[in-house]
Amino acid sequence: MAKIIENNFGRRNIRLDENDIIDIVREYQKVTVGSFTYQEIRDKLKNLELYIPEDLS
């Protein structure tokens, strides 16, 4: 599960575990199937809403 890491510079980092990465790649492959050009992929991804759950511990 994604974990938000605070830092002293005001910008947070998000740590992803292996399951998060696999989920993102799986969603990317599902959304971009049938796309043959870079622009087609960008157009499909532009409309994608992807959420990663935050680790609350």
Protein backbone atom coordinates (compact mmCIF):
# COMPACT_ATOMS: atom_id res chain seq x y z
CA MET A 1 0.00 0.00 0.00
CA ALA A 2 1.33 3.45 -0.84
CA LYS A 3 2.85 5.35 2.05
CA ILE A 4 3.21 9.13 2.12
CA ILE A 5 6.54 10.26 3.52
CA GLU A 6 6.79 13.80 4.84
CA ASN A 7 10.02 15.76 4.39
CA ASN A 8 11.45 19.06 5.59
CA PHE A 9 11.12 20.80 2.23
CA GLY A 10 7.32 20.83 2.08
CA ARG A 11 6.98 18.26 -0.67
CA ARG A 12 5.87 14.76 0.23
CA ASN A 13 7.11 11.56 -1.36
CA ILE A 14 5.02 8.46 -1.95
CA ARG A 15 6.61 5.08 -1.35
CA LEU A 16 5.09 2.29 -3.46
CA ASP A 17 5.37 -1.38 -2.67
CA GLU A 18 5.57 -4.14 -5.28
CA ASN A 19 1.79 -4.59 -5.35
CA ASP A 20 1.24 -0.89 -6.06
CA ILE A 21 3.67 -1.04 -8.97
CA ILE A 22 2.09 -4.16 -10.42
CA ASP A 23 -1.38 -2.61 -10.10
CA ILE A 24 -0.23 0.54 -11.92
CA VAL A 25 1.38 -1.46 -14.74
CA ARG A 26 -1.72 -3.67 -15.03
CA GLU A 27 -4.00 -0.61 -15.28
CA TYR A 28 -1.65 0.99 -17.84
CA GLN A 29 -1.75 -2.15 -19.99
CA LYS A 30 -5.54 -2.39 -19.72
CA VAL A 31 -6.09 1.26 -20.67
CA THR A 32 -3.56 1.45 -23.51
CA VAL A 33 -4.40 -1.83 -25.28
CA GLY A 34 -4.82 -1.23 -28.99
CA SER A 35 -2.83 2.00 -28.96
CA PHE A 36 -0.04 2.19 -31.49
CA THR A 37 1.36 5.68 -31.16
CA TYR A 38 2.76 7.71 -28.33
CA GLN A 39 0.02 10.31 -28.81
CA GLU A 40 -2.76 7.69 -28.63
CA ILE A 41 -1.33 6.44 -25.33
CA ARG A 42 -1.03 9.98 -23.94
CA ASP A 43 -4.62 10.76 -24.94
CA LYS A 44 -5.93 7.67 -23.15
CA LEU A 45 -3.83 8.30 -20.04
CA LYS A 46 -4.90 11.95 -19.90
CA ASN A 47 -8.44 10.83 -19.10
CA LEU A 48 -7.43 8.10 -16.65
CA GLU A 49 -8.16 8.64 -12.96
CA LEU A 50 -5.88 6.37 -10.96
CA TYR A 51 -5.89 6.31 -7.16
CA ILE A 52 -3.44 4.61 -4.84
CA PRO A 53 -4.63 3.88 -1.29
CA GLU A 54 -2.62 5.53 1.46
CA ASP A 55 -1.08 3.54 4.28
CA LEU A 56 -2.50 5.03 7.46
CA SER A 57 -0.12 3.28 9.86
